[in-house]
Amino acid sequence: MNLLTKIFFVLFICTSLSASDNEDLVKELLDSSGLLNNIDNIEVKISKANDNTYVKKFESIHDTDELKENIIENIEEVLTDDDIDYLLDWYSSQTAVDISESEKENITFKEAQELITNPKKFLQDRKRVNTVLKINDILEISKFDYKITNILFLLKAKQSGTNKMTDIEKYYLSKPKELQRKIRNQSLIFLLYKFRDIQNEKLEVYLEFLNTKSAKKFISTYNKTYFNNINETLEQTME
C-alpha cells in the first residue's frame, strides 16, 4: 500500500467514525429535545380516523422509520460539532428538562373543551402570552396541528365527497386560512396550559435559546424534512 493510499484510507476511517459519532449525537439530541414525539404523534392522530380507506392508505405509505432516518441525515448535514455540543448542553439543563416535560403533557378531551370554552384565565398576562406565542410560532406547533387536521379533512372528502362531511368540516376545508387561525389560537391556549407551572423567566430563557443560530438550524431542518415527508405521503395517497 503506497503512502497516498494509506492517507486516503486513514481519512476514510476518520470520516466514517466521525459520521457515526454525529449520528448517535443527533439521535440523542432528537430524543432529549422531545421532537421524536411529533413523529410518533402523527401516527396516533391519523389512526384515530382509521375507518376511512384513504386514511388506511396514508398510514400504509407513511414510513415513520424512513422519516426518522431522513431527519437525522439532514440535521447531520447542517449542524456543526459546536452546534451539537451547544444544543445537547441546553437540552440537558434543568430549565430545558422542565419545559420538555411540560410540552409532552397530553391534554384530555375534557380539558381541551374547557380551555377552548373558557381561555381567559390563561390570557391575562399579556407579556407571558406574547412569549408563548413566539415559542409556538418558532416551533411551528400550530402548523403541525393544522397539517394533520387538513389531511384528515382531505382524506374524508376523498373517501366519500363533501356530502358526508359536517358543515363545520366543509367550511374549514374551503377556508384554510380560517382553519389556520383557529388552530393557531387553540395551540396557543394549549401551550399556555402546559406551561402553567413554568415561570415567566424560564420561558423567556427558552425563547432566547430558540432564537439562537444553532437552535434555528436544528428546528427548521427538522420541520422542513417533516413537512416534506408528510406532503409527499399525502400526494401519493390522493393519487
Protein backbone atom coordinates (compact mmCIF):
# COMPACT_ATOMS: atom_id res chain seq x y z
CA MET A 1 0.00 0.00 0.00
CA ASN A 2 1.63 3.27 -1.09
CA LEU A 3 1.68 6.43 1.03
CA LEU A 4 -1.16 8.17 -0.83
CA THR A 5 -3.41 5.14 -0.48
CA LYS A 6 -2.65 4.96 3.26
CA ILE A 7 -3.54 8.63 3.68
CA PHE A 8 -6.87 8.19 1.89
CA PHE A 9 -7.58 5.07 3.92
CA VAL A 10 -6.91 6.86 7.22
CA LEU A 11 -9.03 9.84 6.16
CA PHE A 12 -11.87 7.49 5.16
CA ILE A 13 -11.77 5.72 8.54
CA CYS A 14 -11.70 9.03 10.44
CA THR A 15 -14.60 10.41 8.42
CA SER A 16 -16.65 7.26 8.91
CA LEU A 17 -16.08 7.29 12.66
CA SER A 18 -16.96 10.97 12.85
CA ALA A 19 -20.18 10.46 10.88
CA SER A 20 -21.15 7.54 13.11
CA ASP A 21 -20.48 9.59 16.25
CA ASN A 22 -22.51 12.52 14.92
CA GLU A 23 -25.41 10.25 14.03
CA ASP A 24 -25.55 8.96 17.60
CA LEU A 25 -25.36 12.51 18.94
CA VAL A 26 -28.15 13.70 16.64
CA LYS A 27 -30.32 10.77 17.79
CA GLU A 28 -29.59 11.77 21.39
CA LEU A 29 -30.43 15.37 20.53
CA LEU A 30 -33.75 14.46 18.94
CA ASP A 31 -34.62 12.27 21.90
CA SER A 32 -33.71 14.82 24.58
CA SER A 33 -35.47 17.65 22.71
CA GLY A 34 -38.73 15.71 22.59
CA LEU A 35 -39.05 16.23 18.82
CA LEU A 36 -39.23 12.48 18.22
CA ASN A 37 -42.64 12.58 19.90
CA ASN A 38 -44.02 14.63 16.99
CA ILE A 39 -43.12 11.84 14.58
CA ASP A 40 -44.94 9.24 16.63
CA ASN A 41 -47.87 11.55 17.43
CA ILE A 42 -48.96 11.91 13.82
CA GLU A 43 -49.41 8.14 13.63
CA VAL A 44 -51.66 8.28 16.69
CA LYS A 45 -53.73 11.22 15.45
CA ILE A 46 -54.15 9.89 11.93
CA SER A 47 -55.04 6.40 13.13
CA LYS A 48 -57.98 7.75 15.16
CA ALA A 49 -59.85 8.06 11.85
CA ASN A 50 -58.89 4.62 10.52
CA ASP A 51 -62.41 3.78 9.34
CA ASN A 52 -61.51 5.69 6.19
CA THR A 53 -59.99 3.75 3.28
CA TYR A 54 -57.70 6.66 2.37
CA VAL A 55 -56.58 7.11 5.97
CA LYS A 56 -55.52 3.47 5.95
CA LYS A 57 -53.73 4.06 2.64
CA PHE A 58 -51.96 7.10 4.11
CA GLU A 59 -50.84 5.02 7.10
CA SER A 60 -49.56 2.24 4.85
CA ILE A 61 -47.49 4.69 2.77
CA HIS A 62 -46.19 6.79 5.62
CA ASP A 63 -42.90 5.24 6.76
CA THR A 64 -42.00 6.53 10.23
CA ASP A 65 -38.60 4.84 10.25
CA GLU A 66 -37.67 6.37 6.91
CA LEU A 67 -38.80 9.80 8.13
CA LYS A 68 -36.60 9.50 11.23
CA GLU A 69 -33.63 8.47 9.09
CA ASN A 70 -34.15 11.45 6.75
CA ILE A 71 -34.41 13.84 9.67
CA ILE A 72 -31.20 12.51 11.22
CA GLU A 73 -29.33 12.72 7.90
CA ASN A 74 -30.48 16.27 7.17
CA ILE A 75 -29.70 17.52 10.66
CA GLU A 76 -26.24 15.93 10.48
CA GLU A 77 -25.59 17.91 7.30
CA VAL A 78 -26.46 21.34 8.71
CA LEU A 79 -25.20 21.17 12.30
CA THR A 80 -21.56 21.65 13.19
CA ASP A 81 -19.93 19.85 16.12
CA ASP A 82 -20.17 23.10 18.09
CA ASP A 83 -23.90 23.33 17.28
CA ILE A 84 -24.49 19.81 18.55
CA ASP A 85 -22.49 20.39 21.74
CA TYR A 86 -24.38 23.63 22.42
CA LEU A 87 -27.78 22.04 21.81
CA LEU A 88 -27.02 19.00 23.96
CA ASP A 89 -25.87 21.28 26.77
CA TRP A 90 -29.12 23.20 26.58
CA TYR A 91 -31.39 20.16 26.49
CA SER A 92 -29.59 18.66 29.49
CA SER A 93 -30.19 21.81 31.58
CA GLN A 94 -32.88 21.77 34.26
CA THR A 95 -34.82 24.55 32.52
CA ALA A 96 -34.93 22.57 29.28
CA VAL A 97 -35.92 19.36 31.08
CA ASP A 98 -38.79 21.14 32.89
CA ILE A 99 -40.04 22.71 29.66
CA SER A 100 -39.73 19.48 27.70
CA GLU A 101 -41.75 17.59 30.32
CA SER A 102 -44.45 20.27 30.13
CA GLU A 103 -44.55 20.12 26.32
CA LYS A 104 -45.05 16.35 26.41
CA GLU A 105 -48.16 16.61 28.59
CA ASN A 106 -51.24 15.10 26.98
CA ILE A 107 -54.34 17.26 27.22
CA THR A 108 -57.55 15.26 27.65
CA PHE A 109 -60.60 15.93 25.52
CA LYS A 110 -62.40 17.33 28.57
CA GLU A 111 -59.50 19.68 29.35
CA ALA A 112 -59.32 20.80 25.73
CA GLN A 113 -63.04 21.59 25.64
CA GLU A 114 -62.75 23.60 28.86
CA LEU A 115 -59.72 25.53 27.58
CA ILE A 116 -61.41 26.37 24.27
CA THR A 117 -64.62 27.42 26.01
CA ASN A 118 -63.01 29.40 28.82
CA PRO A 119 -59.46 30.54 27.91
CA LYS A 120 -59.47 33.89 29.77
CA LYS A 121 -57.59 32.58 32.79
CA PHE A 122 -54.50 31.97 30.65
CA LEU A 123 -54.72 35.17 28.61
CA GLN A 124 -54.48 37.75 31.38
CA ASP A 125 -50.68 38.13 31.41
CA ARG A 126 -50.04 39.73 28.02
CA LYS A 127 -46.26 39.53 28.26
CA ARG A 128 -46.43 35.82 29.01
CA VAL A 129 -48.93 35.28 26.19
CA ASN A 130 -46.65 37.05 23.70
CA THR A 131 -43.65 34.99 24.81
CA VAL A 132 -45.53 31.70 24.46
CA LEU A 133 -46.98 32.78 21.11
CA LYS A 134 -43.46 33.39 19.77
CA ILE A 135 -42.37 29.97 21.09
CA ASN A 136 -45.39 28.38 19.40
CA ASP A 137 -44.58 30.05 16.08
CA ILE A 138 -40.88 29.17 16.10
CA LEU A 139 -41.62 25.53 16.89
CA GLU A 140 -44.46 25.64 14.31
CA ILE A 141 -46.72 23.69 16.66
CA SER A 142 -49.90 25.09 15.14
CA LYS A 143 -48.58 24.29 11.66
CA PHE A 144 -48.25 20.63 12.67
CA ASP A 145 -51.77 20.62 14.11
CA TYR A 146 -53.17 22.32 11.01
CA LYS A 147 -51.42 19.88 8.70
CA ILE A 148 -52.87 16.85 10.49
CA THR A 149 -56.38 18.35 10.65
CA ASN A 150 -56.30 19.34 6.99
CA ILE A 151 -55.05 15.89 5.96
CA LEU A 152 -57.98 14.25 7.76
CA PHE A 153 -60.44 16.62 6.08
CA LEU A 154 -58.94 15.95 2.65
CA LEU A 155 -58.94 12.18 3.14
CA LYS A 156 -62.53 12.24 4.33
CA ALA A 157 -63.56 14.26 1.28
CA LYS A 158 -61.61 11.89 -0.97
CA GLN A 159 -63.38 8.89 0.54
CA SER A 160 -66.99 9.97 0.21
CA GLY A 161 -67.13 13.53 -1.08
CA THR A 162 -68.07 16.59 0.92
CA ASN A 163 -71.70 15.43 1.26
CA LYS A 164 -70.65 13.16 4.14
CA MET A 165 -68.78 15.96 5.92
CA THR A 166 -70.26 18.17 8.63
CA ASP A 167 -70.95 21.82 7.85
CA ILE A 168 -68.00 22.85 10.05
CA GLU A 169 -65.65 20.45 8.25
CA LYS A 170 -66.79 21.70 4.84
CA TYR A 171 -66.40 25.32 5.93
CA TYR A 172 -62.84 24.89 7.18
CA LEU A 173 -61.87 22.73 4.20
CA SER A 174 -62.89 25.59 1.92
CA LYS A 175 -61.36 28.27 4.19
CA PRO A 176 -57.81 27.09 5.00
CA LYS A 177 -56.73 30.46 6.40
CA GLU A 178 -59.64 30.45 8.83
CA LEU A 179 -58.70 26.94 9.93
CA GLN A 180 -55.07 28.01 10.38
CA ARG A 181 -56.13 30.97 12.50
CA LYS A 182 -58.43 28.86 14.66
CA ILE A 183 -55.80 26.18 15.22
CA ARG A 184 -53.11 28.76 15.99
CA ASN A 185 -55.33 30.24 18.71
CA GLN A 186 -56.07 26.80 20.13
CA SER A 187 -52.40 25.80 20.05
CA LEU A 188 -51.54 28.95 21.98
CA ILE A 189 -54.12 28.19 24.69
CA PHE A 190 -52.98 24.57 24.96
CA LEU A 191 -49.33 25.59 25.23
CA LEU A 192 -50.14 28.21 27.88
CA TYR A 193 -51.91 25.48 29.81
CA LYS A 194 -48.98 23.09 29.51
CA PHE A 195 -46.60 25.83 30.69
CA ARG A 196 -48.83 26.78 33.65
CA ASP A 197 -46.16 25.72 36.18
CA ILE A 198 -43.22 27.22 34.27
CA GLN A 199 -42.08 30.65 35.46
CA ASN A 200 -42.03 33.57 33.04
CA GLU A 201 -38.26 33.90 33.42
CA LYS A 202 -37.73 30.33 32.24
CA LEU A 203 -40.00 30.86 29.23
CA GLU A 204 -38.03 33.96 28.28
CA VAL A 205 -34.77 32.00 28.55
CA TYR A 206 -36.34 29.30 26.37
CA LEU A 207 -37.32 31.89 23.76
CA GLU A 208 -33.77 33.29 23.77
CA PHE A 209 -32.46 29.78 23.13
CA LEU A 210 -34.90 29.19 20.25
CA ASN A 211 -33.65 32.38 18.61
CA THR A 212 -30.02 31.25 18.58
CA LYS A 213 -28.48 30.26 15.26
CA SER A 214 -27.91 26.66 16.38
CA ALA A 215 -31.48 26.17 17.56
CA LYS A 216 -32.94 27.73 14.41
CA LYS A 217 -30.91 25.43 12.16
CA PHE A 218 -31.91 22.41 14.21
CA ILE A 219 -35.63 23.15 14.40
CA SER A 220 -36.08 24.50 10.86
CA THR A 221 -34.30 21.46 9.35
CA TYR A 222 -36.41 19.09 11.42
CA ASN A 223 -39.65 20.86 10.46
CA LYS A 224 -38.81 21.16 6.76
CA THR A 225 -37.93 17.46 6.50
CA TYR A 226 -41.06 16.50 8.41
CA PHE A 227 -43.43 18.60 6.27
CA ASN A 228 -41.84 17.47 3.00
CA ASN A 229 -42.33 13.86 4.01
CA ILE A 230 -45.96 14.39 5.03
CA ASN A 231 -46.74 16.28 1.82
CA GLU A 232 -45.20 13.53 -0.32
CA THR A 233 -47.20 10.90 1.54
CA LEU A 234 -50.40 12.87 1.06
CA GLU A 235 -49.75 13.28 -2.68
CA GLN A 236 -49.25 9.52 -3.07
CA THR A 237 -52.38 8.82 -1.02
CA MET A 238 -54.53 11.10 -3.14
CA GLU A 239 -53.44 9.54 -6.45
